[in-house]
PDB file of N, CA and C in Angstrom:
ATOM      1  N   MET A   1     -12.096  52.403  -3.958  1.00  0.00           N
ATOM      2  CA  MET A   1     -10.832  51.695  -4.054  1.00  0.00           C
ATOM      3  C   MET A   1      -9.765  52.709  -4.489  1.00  0.00           C
ATOM      4  N   THR A   2      -8.675  52.718  -3.769  1.00  0.00           N
ATOM      5  CA  THR A   2      -7.599  53.648  -4.100  1.00  0.00           C
ATOM      6  C   THR A   2      -6.756  53.098  -5.242  1.00  0.00           C
ATOM      7  N   ASN A   3      -5.937  53.967  -5.793  1.00  0.00           N
ATOM      8  CA  ASN A   3      -5.074  53.540  -6.896  1.00  0.00           C
ATOM      9  C   ASN A   3      -4.052  52.512  -6.433  1.00  0.00           C
ATOM     10  N   ALA A   4      -3.561  52.640  -5.206  1.00  0.00           N
ATOM     11  CA  ALA A   4      -2.587  51.667  -4.688  1.00  0.00           C
ATOM     12  C   ALA A   4      -3.220  50.284  -4.567  1.00  0.00           C
ATOM     13  N   GLU A   5      -4.457  50.235  -4.083  1.00  0.00           N
ATOM     14  CA  GLU A   5      -5.153  48.948  -3.982  1.00  0.00           C
ATOM     15  C   GLU A   5      -5.402  48.358  -5.363  1.00  0.00           C
ATOM     16  N   ARG A   6      -5.780  49.215  -6.300  1.00  0.00           N
ATOM     17  CA  ARG A   6      -6.039  48.749  -7.669  1.00  0.00           C
ATOM     18  C   ARG A   6      -4.765  48.194  -8.304  1.00  0.00           C
ATOM     19  N   LYS A   7      -3.639  48.875  -8.099  1.00  0.00           N
ATOM     20  CA  LYS A   7      -2.370  48.396  -8.652  1.00  0.00           C
ATOM     21  C   LYS A   7      -1.959  47.070  -8.024  1.00  0.00           C
ATOM     22  N   GLN A   8      -2.180  46.935  -6.724  1.00  0.00           N
ATOM     23  CA  GLN A   8      -1.833  45.680  -6.052  1.00  0.00           C
ATOM     24  C   GLN A   8      -2.693  44.530  -6.580  1.00  0.00           C
ATOM     25  N   ILE A   9      -3.964  44.777  -6.761  1.00  0.00           N
ATOM     26  CA  ILE A   9      -4.849  43.746  -7.303  1.00  0.00           C
ATOM     27  C   ILE A   9      -4.453  43.411  -8.737  1.00  0.00           C
ATOM     28  N   ASP A  10      -4.110  44.437  -9.525  1.00  0.00           N
ATOM     29  CA  ASP A  10      -3.666  44.189 -10.905  1.00  0.00           C
ATOM     30  C   ASP A  10      -2.399  43.346 -10.933  1.00  0.00           C
ATOM     31  N   ARG A  11      -1.469  43.616 -10.008  1.00  0.00           N
ATOM     32  CA  ARG A  11      -0.241  42.814  -9.952  1.00  0.00           C
ATOM     33  C   ARG A  11      -0.548  41.368  -9.594  1.00  0.00           C
ATOM     34  N   ARG A  12      -1.450  41.166  -8.662  1.00  0.00           N
ATOM     35  CA  ARG A  12      -1.811  39.796  -8.270  1.00  0.00           C
ATOM     36  C   ARG A  12      -2.500  39.055  -9.413  1.00  0.00           C
ATOM     37  N   ILE A  13      -3.357  39.745 -10.121  1.00  0.00           N
ATOM     38  CA  ILE A  13      -4.024  39.114 -11.262  1.00  0.00           C
ATOM     39  C   ILE A  13      -3.011  38.789 -12.350  1.00  0.00           C
ATOM     40  N   ALA A  14      -2.053  39.687 -12.582  1.00  0.00           N
ATOM     41  CA  ALA A  14      -1.017  39.420 -13.590  1.00  0.00           C
ATOM     42  C   ALA A  14      -0.168  38.218 -13.194  1.00  0.00           C
ATOM     43  N   LEU A  15       0.144  38.101 -11.906  1.00  0.00           N
ATOM     44  CA  LEU A  15       0.907  36.941 -11.434  1.00  0.00           C
ATOM     45  C   LEU A  15       0.109  35.653 -11.625  1.00  0.00           C
ATOM     46  N   LEU A  16      -1.175  35.692 -11.295  1.00  0.00           N
ATOM     47  CA  LEU A  16      -2.026  34.521 -11.499  1.00  0.00           C
ATOM     48  C   LEU A  16      -2.159  34.194 -12.983  1.00  0.00           C
ATOM     49  N   GLU A  17      -2.183  35.227 -13.814  1.00  0.00           N
ATOM     50  CA  GLU A  17      -2.270  34.998 -15.257  1.00  0.00           C
ATOM     51  C   GLU A  17      -1.009  34.314 -15.785  1.00  0.00           C
ATOM     52  N   ARG A  18       0.157  34.726 -15.301  1.00  0.00           N
ATOM     53  CA  ARG A  18       1.399  34.069 -15.721  1.00  0.00           C
ATOM     54  C   ARG A  18       1.447  32.627 -15.230  1.00  0.00           C
ATOM     55  N   ALA A  19       1.004  32.403 -13.994  1.00  0.00           N
ATOM     56  CA  ALA A  19       0.979  31.032 -13.468  1.00  0.00           C
ATOM     57  C   ALA A  19       0.010  30.162 -14.264  1.00  0.00           C
ATOM     58  N   THR A  20      -1.118  30.729 -14.660  1.00  0.00           N
ATOM     59  CA  THR A  20      -2.086  29.986 -15.461  1.00  0.00           C
ATOM     60  C   THR A  20      -1.528  29.661 -16.841  1.00  0.00           C
ATOM     61  N   ALA A  21      -0.780  30.591 -17.419  1.00  0.00           N
ATOM     62  CA  ALA A  21      -0.165  30.325 -18.723  1.00  0.00           C
ATOM     63  C   ALA A  21       0.838  29.181 -18.614  1.00  0.00           C
ATOM     64  N   LEU A  22       1.624  29.168 -17.550  1.00  0.00           N
ATOM     65  CA  LEU A  22       2.565  28.062 -17.346  1.00  0.00           C
ATOM     66  C   LEU A  22       1.828  26.752 -17.102  1.00  0.00           C
ATOM     67  N   PHE A  23       0.736  26.822 -16.344  1.00  0.00           N
ATOM     68  CA  PHE A  23      -0.067  25.624 -16.093  1.00  0.00           C
ATOM     69  C   PHE A  23      -0.671  25.103 -17.388  1.00  0.00           C
ATOM     70  N   GLY A  24      -1.118  26.012 -18.245  1.00  0.00           N
ATOM     71  CA  GLY A  24      -1.668  25.598 -19.528  1.00  0.00           C
ATOM     72  C   GLY A  24      -0.624  24.979 -20.432  1.00  0.00           C
ATOM     73  N   ARG A  25       0.600  25.492 -20.338  1.00  0.00           N
ATOM     74  CA  ARG A  25       1.664  24.986 -21.201  1.00  0.00           C
ATOM     75  C   ARG A  25       2.222  23.666 -20.698  1.00  0.00           C
ATOM     76  N   PHE A  26       2.422  23.552 -19.383  1.00  0.00           N
ATOM     77  CA  PHE A  26       3.086  22.373 -18.835  1.00  0.00           C
ATOM     78  C   PHE A  26       2.181  21.510 -17.958  1.00  0.00           C
ATOM     79  N   GLY A  27       0.903  21.867 -17.833  1.00  0.00           N
ATOM     80  CA  GLY A  27       0.001  21.123 -16.963  1.00  0.00           C
ATOM     81  C   GLY A  27      -0.262  19.704 -17.414  1.00  0.00           C
ATOM     82  N   SER A  28      -0.183  19.473 -18.707  1.00  0.00           N
ATOM     83  CA  SER A  28      -0.435  18.114 -19.195  1.00  0.00           C
ATOM     84  C   SER A  28       0.721  17.173 -18.874  1.00  0.00           C
ATOM     85  N   LEU A  29       1.868  17.721 -18.523  1.00  0.00           N
ATOM     86  CA  LEU A  29       3.000  16.864 -18.161  1.00  0.00           C
ATOM     87  C   LEU A  29       2.817  16.221 -16.790  1.00  0.00           C
ATOM     88  N   VAL A  30       2.028  16.865 -15.924  1.00  0.00           N
ATOM     89  CA  VAL A  30       1.830  16.332 -14.572  1.00  0.00           C
ATOM     90  C   VAL A  30       1.136  14.974 -14.609  1.00  0.00           C
ATOM     91  N   PRO A  31      -0.029  14.824 -15.281  1.00  0.00           N
ATOM     92  CA  PRO A  31      -0.635  13.487 -15.312  1.00  0.00           C
ATOM     93  C   PRO A  31       0.218  12.461 -16.043  1.00  0.00           C
ATOM     94  N   MET A  32       0.982  12.919 -17.034  1.00  0.00           N
ATOM     95  CA  MET A  32       1.849  11.973 -17.733  1.00  0.00           C
ATOM     96  C   MET A  32       2.962  11.489 -16.811  1.00  0.00           C
ATOM     97  N   ALA A  33       3.525  12.394 -16.016  1.00  0.00           N
ATOM     98  CA  ALA A  33       4.569  11.989 -15.075  1.00  0.00           C
ATOM     99  C   ALA A  33       4.007  11.065 -14.005  1.00  0.00           C
ATOM    100  N   VAL A  34       2.809  11.373 -13.512  1.00  0.00           N
ATOM    101  CA  VAL A  34       2.176  10.507 -12.516  1.00  0.00           C
ATOM    102  C   VAL A  34       1.908   9.129 -13.107  1.00  0.00           C
ATOM    103  N   ALA A  35       1.441   9.103 -14.344  1.00  0.00           N
ATOM    104  CA  ALA A  35       1.161   7.819 -14.995  1.00  0.00           C
ATOM    105  C   ALA A  35       2.427   6.999 -15.159  1.00  0.00           C
ATOM    106  N   LEU A  36       3.503   7.643 -15.549  1.00  0.00           N
ATOM    107  CA  LEU A  36       4.747   6.900 -15.731  1.00  0.00           C
ATOM    108  C   LEU A  36       5.324   6.432 -14.400  1.00  0.00           C
ATOM    109  N   LEU A  37       5.207   7.259 -13.360  1.00  0.00           N
ATOM    110  CA  LEU A  37       5.723   6.855 -12.050  1.00  0.00           C
ATOM    111  C   LEU A  37       4.909   5.722 -11.435  1.00  0.00           C
ATOM    112  N   ASN A  38       3.613   5.700 -11.717  1.00  0.00           N
ATOM    113  CA  ASN A  38       2.756   4.628 -11.205  1.00  0.00           C
ATOM    114  C   ASN A  38       2.756   3.400 -12.106  1.00  0.00           C
ATOM    115  N   LYS A  39       3.472   3.475 -13.211  1.00  0.00           N
ATOM    116  CA  LYS A  39       3.593   2.376 -14.180  1.00  0.00           C
ATOM    117  C   LYS A  39       2.245   1.967 -14.772  1.00  0.00           C
ATOM    118  N   TRP A  40       1.389   2.945 -15.018  1.00  0.00           N
ATOM    119  CA  TRP A  40       0.164   2.694 -15.733  1.00  0.00           C
ATOM    120  C   TRP A  40      -0.012   3.803 -16.734  1.00  0.00           C
ATOM    121  N   PRO A  41      -0.627   3.641 -17.787  1.00  0.00           N
ATOM    122  CA  PRO A  41      -0.971   2.356 -18.384  1.00  0.00           C
ATOM    123  C   PRO A  41       0.251   1.729 -19.030  1.00  0.00           C
ATOM    124  N   THR A  42       0.271   0.423 -19.043  1.00  0.00           N
ATOM    125  CA  THR A  42       1.401  -0.257 -19.663  1.00  0.00           C
ATOM    126  C   THR A  42       1.358  -0.112 -21.175  1.00  0.00           C
ATOM    127  N   GLN A  43       0.176   0.011 -21.710  1.00  0.00           N
ATOM    128  CA  GLN A  43       0.031   0.340 -23.124  1.00  0.00           C
ATOM    129  C   GLN A  43      -1.221   1.183 -23.268  1.00  0.00           C
ATOM    130  N   VAL A  44      -1.156   2.176 -24.104  1.00  0.00           N
ATOM    131  CA  VAL A  44      -2.281   3.084 -24.303  1.00  0.00           C
ATOM    132  C   VAL A  44      -3.112   2.572 -25.465  1.00  0.00           C
ATOM    133  N   GLU A  45      -4.369   2.290 -25.168  1.00  0.00           N
ATOM    134  CA  GLU A  45      -5.289   1.808 -26.192  1.00  0.00           C
ATOM    135  C   GLU A  45      -6.393   2.834 -26.362  1.00  0.00           C
ATOM    136  N   LEU A  46      -6.816   3.007 -27.562  1.00  0.00           N
ATOM    137  CA  LEU A  46      -7.895   3.938 -27.828  1.00  0.00           C
ATOM    138  C   LEU A  46      -9.221   3.200 -27.847  1.00  0.00           C
ATOM    139  N   TYR A  47     -10.290   3.975 -27.928  1.00  0.00           N
ATOM    140  CA  TYR A  47     -11.630   3.419 -27.925  1.00  0.00           C
ATOM    141  C   TYR A  47     -11.753   2.364 -29.015  1.00  0.00           C
ATOM    142  N   PRO A  48     -12.411   1.241 -28.825  1.00  0.00           N
ATOM    143  CA  PRO A  48     -13.270   0.807 -27.730  1.00  0.00           C
ATOM    144  C   PRO A  48     -12.567  -0.044 -26.677  1.00  0.00           C
ATOM    145  N   HIS A  49     -11.277  -0.266 -26.800  1.00  0.00           N
ATOM    146  CA  HIS A  49     -10.589  -1.153 -25.864  1.00  0.00           C
ATOM    147  C   HIS A  49     -10.089  -0.443 -24.611  1.00  0.00           C
ATOM    148  N   TRP A  50     -10.217   0.856 -24.523  1.00  0.00           N
ATOM    149  CA  TRP A  50      -9.621   1.573 -23.407  1.00  0.00           C
ATOM    150  C   TRP A  50     -10.381   1.392 -22.101  1.00  0.00           C
ATOM    151  N   GLN A  51     -11.660   0.973 -22.171  1.00  0.00           N
ATOM    152  CA  GLN A  51     -12.411   0.742 -20.937  1.00  0.00           C
ATOM    153  C   GLN A  51     -11.901  -0.480 -20.196  1.00  0.00           C
ATOM    154  N   VAL A  52     -11.357  -1.438 -20.910  1.00  0.00           N
ATOM    155  CA  VAL A  52     -10.919  -2.691 -20.303  1.00  0.00           C
ATOM    156  C   VAL A  52      -9.625  -2.486 -19.524  1.00  0.00           C
ATOM    157  N   GLY A  53      -8.693  -1.751 -20.086  1.00  0.00           N
ATOM    158  CA  GLY A  53      -7.407  -1.526 -19.438  1.00  0.00           C
ATOM    159  C   GLY A  53      -7.462  -0.328 -18.509  1.00  0.00           C
ATOM    160  N   GLU A  54      -6.298   0.248 -18.269  1.00  0.00           N
ATOM    161  CA  GLU A  54      -6.218   1.405 -17.390  1.00  0.00           C
ATOM    162  C   GLU A  54      -5.914   2.679 -18.154  1.00  0.00           C
ATOM    163  N   SER A  55      -6.086   2.657 -19.456  1.00  0.00           N
ATOM    164  CA  SER A  55      -5.822   3.849 -20.265  1.00  0.00           C
ATOM    165  C   SER A  55      -6.800   4.973 -19.955  1.00  0.00           C
ATOM    166  N   TRP A  56      -7.999   4.631 -19.501  1.00  0.00           N
ATOM    167  CA  TRP A  56      -8.988   5.656 -19.214  1.00  0.00           C
ATOM    168  C   TRP A  56      -8.503   6.603 -18.134  1.00  0.00           C
ATOM    169  N   LYS A  57      -7.696   6.141 -17.180  1.00  0.00           N
ATOM    170  CA  LYS A  57      -7.173   7.021 -16.127  1.00  0.00           C
ATOM    171  C   LYS A  57      -6.289   8.107 -16.722  1.00  0.00           C
ATOM    172  N   PHE A  58      -5.494   7.711 -17.672  1.00  0.00           N
ATOM    173  CA  PHE A  58      -4.579   8.645 -18.322  1.00  0.00           C
ATOM    174  C   PHE A  58      -5.351   9.741 -19.053  1.00  0.00           C
ATOM    175  N   PHE A  59      -6.325   9.345 -19.860  1.00  0.00           N
ATOM    176  CA  PHE A  59      -7.090  10.323 -20.621  1.00  0.00           C
ATOM    177  C   PHE A  59      -7.957  11.185 -19.706  1.00  0.00           C
ATOM    178  N   LEU A  60      -8.518  10.591 -18.664  1.00  0.00           N
ATOM    179  CA  LEU A  60      -9.326  11.358 -17.729  1.00  0.00           C
ATOM    180  C   LEU A  60      -8.483  12.413 -17.026  1.00  0.00           C
ATOM    181  N   SER A  61      -7.289  12.055 -16.594  1.00  0.00           N
ATOM    182  CA  SER A  61      -6.439  13.029 -15.914  1.00  0.00           C
ATOM    183  C   SER A  61      -6.018  14.148 -16.859  1.00  0.00           C
ATOM    184  N   LEU A  62      -5.748  13.828 -18.115  1.00  0.00           N
ATOM    185  CA  LEU A  62      -5.416  14.885 -19.077  1.00  0.00           C
ATOM    186  C   LEU A  62      -6.582  15.848 -19.256  1.00  0.00           C
ATOM    187  N   TYR A  63      -7.788  15.307 -19.379  1.00  0.00           N
ATOM    188  CA  TYR A  63      -8.953  16.179 -19.543  1.00  0.00           C
ATOM    189  C   TYR A  63      -9.233  16.988 -18.285  1.00  0.00           C
ATOM    190  N   LEU A  64      -9.040  16.416 -17.117  1.00  0.00           N
ATOM    191  CA  LEU A  64      -9.271  17.166 -15.883  1.00  0.00           C
ATOM    192  C   LEU A  64      -8.295  18.329 -15.751  1.00  0.00           C
ATOM    193  N   TYR A  65      -7.038  18.107 -16.080  1.00  0.00           N
ATOM    194  CA  TYR A  65      -6.072  19.201 -16.042  1.00  0.00           C
ATOM    195  C   TYR A  65      -6.389  20.254 -17.093  1.00  0.00           C
ATOM    196  N   TRP A  66      -6.865  19.832 -18.247  1.00  0.00           N
ATOM    197  CA  TRP A  66      -7.242  20.795 -19.276  1.00  0.00           C
ATOM    198  C   TRP A  66      -8.434  21.637 -18.823  1.00  0.00           C
ATOM    199  N   PHE A  67      -9.436  21.008 -18.198  1.00  0.00           N
ATOM    200  CA  PHE A  67     -10.587  21.754 -17.687  1.00  0.00           C
ATOM    201  C   PHE A  67     -10.179  22.693 -16.556  1.00  0.00           C
ATOM    202  N   ALA A  68      -9.225  22.283 -15.724  1.00  0.00           N
ATOM    203  CA  ALA A  68      -8.741  23.162 -14.656  1.00  0.00           C
ATOM    204  C   ALA A  68      -8.068  24.396 -15.250  1.00  0.00           C
ATOM    205  N   TRP A  69      -7.267  24.200 -16.287  1.00  0.00           N
ATOM    206  CA  TRP A  69      -6.640  25.341 -16.946  1.00  0.00           C
ATOM    207  C   TRP A  69      -7.694  26.252 -17.562  1.00  0.00           C
ATOM    208  N   LEU A  70      -8.696  25.668 -18.188  1.00  0.00           N
ATOM    209  CA  LEU A  70      -9.762  26.454 -18.796  1.00  0.00           C
ATOM    210  C   LEU A  70     -10.513  27.265 -17.740  1.00  0.00           C
ATOM    211  N   ALA A  71     -10.787  26.661 -16.596  1.00  0.00           N
ATOM    212  CA  ALA A  71     -11.487  27.366 -15.524  1.00  0.00           C
ATOM    213  C   ALA A  71     -10.637  28.512 -14.973  1.00  0.00           C
ATOM    214  N   LEU A  72      -9.342  28.286 -14.795  1.00  0.00           N
ATOM    215  CA  LEU A  72      -8.461  29.355 -14.330  1.00  0.00           C
ATOM    216  C   LEU A  72      -8.406  30.499 -15.335  1.00  0.00           C
ATOM    217  N   ASP A  73      -8.336  30.171 -16.594  1.00  0.00           N
ATOM    218  CA  ASP A  73      -8.284  31.195 -17.628  1.00  0.00           C
ATOM    219  C   ASP A  73      -9.560  32.026 -17.639  1.00  0.00           C
ATOM    220  N   ARG A  74     -10.692  31.371 -17.520  1.00  0.00           N
ATOM    221  CA  ARG A  74     -11.972  32.098 -17.489  1.00  0.00           C
ATOM    222  C   ARG A  74     -12.089  32.955 -16.238  1.00  0.00           C
ATOM    223  N   ALA A  75     -11.606  32.453 -15.104  1.00  0.00           N
ATOM    224  CA  ALA A  75     -11.666  33.233 -13.866  1.00  0.00           C
ATOM    225  C   ALA A  75     -10.835  34.505 -13.986  1.00  0.00           C
ATOM    226  N   ILE A  76      -9.688  34.411 -14.632  1.00  0.00           N
ATOM    227  CA  ILE A  76      -8.852  35.596 -14.823  1.00  0.00           C
ATOM    228  C   ILE A  76      -9.540  36.591 -15.747  1.00  0.00           C
ATOM    229  N   MET A  77     -10.179  36.099 -16.789  1.00  0.00           N
ATOM    230  CA  MET A  77     -10.896  36.998 -17.698  1.00  0.00           C
ATOM    231  C   MET A  77     -12.008  37.737 -16.965  1.00  0.00           C
ATOM    232  N   PHE A  78     -12.752  37.036 -16.109  1.00  0.00           N
ATOM    233  CA  PHE A  78     -13.823  37.681 -15.357  1.00  0.00           C
ATOM    234  C   PHE A  78     -13.264  38.652 -14.327  1.00  0.00           C
ATOM    235  N   ALA A  79     -12.132  38.320 -13.712  1.00  0.00           N
ATOM    236  CA  ALA A  79     -11.526  39.221 -12.732  1.00  0.00           C
ATOM    237  C   ALA A  79     -11.038  40.499 -13.404  1.00  0.00           C
ATOM    238  N   LYS A  80     -10.453  40.371 -14.579  1.00  0.00           N
ATOM    239  CA  LYS A  80     -10.001  41.555 -15.311  1.00  0.00           C
ATOM    240  C   LYS A  80     -11.187  42.418 -15.735  1.00  0.00           C
ATOM    241  N   ALA A  81     -12.242  41.785 -16.182  1.00  0.00           N
ATOM    242  CA  ALA A  81     -13.419  42.541 -16.622  1.00  0.00           C
ATOM    243  C   ALA A  81     -14.084  43.252 -15.452  1.00  0.00           C
ATOM    244  N   GLY A  82     -14.023  42.647 -14.262  1.00  0.00           N
ATOM    245  CA  GLY A  82     -14.636  43.258 -13.090  1.00  0.00           C
ATOM    246  C   GLY A  82     -13.854  44.439 -12.557  1.00  0.00           C
ATOM    247  N   LEU A  83     -12.579  44.556 -12.891  1.00  0.00           N
ATOM    248  CA  LEU A  83     -11.759  45.657 -12.396  1.00  0.00           C
ATOM    249  C   LEU A  83     -11.729  46.850 -13.329  1.00  0.00           C
ATOM    250  N   ASP A  84     -12.169  46.684 -14.555  1.00  0.00           N
ATOM    251  CA  ASP A  84     -12.161  47.811 -15.488  1.00  0.00           C
ATOM    252  C   ASP A  84     -13.165  48.860 -15.032  1.00  0.00           C
ATOM    253  N   PRO A  85     -12.729  50.129 -15.021  1.00  0.00           N
ATOM    254  CA  PRO A  85     -13.657  51.191 -14.560  1.00  0.00           C
ATOM    255  C   PRO A  85     -14.741  51.495 -15.571  1.00  0.00           C
TER     256      PRO A  85
END
């Protein structure tokens, strides 16, 4: 691998890292915006009443976005470790 290729890959990883940081910071707003636009849940209830209503969708979407951010962060860490000489 030439130095130019290595620099290009490093730039792409840095760009993905910045995008992941933004996703981690603002990613939880996406399910909240979707929930508000779909008008659910009308009231957020915690366990044990959340199975009856639609609050579980809200919490599930928050956790899914959090896991997606975690997976992206781990992928970047592995990509950086794989490029170190």
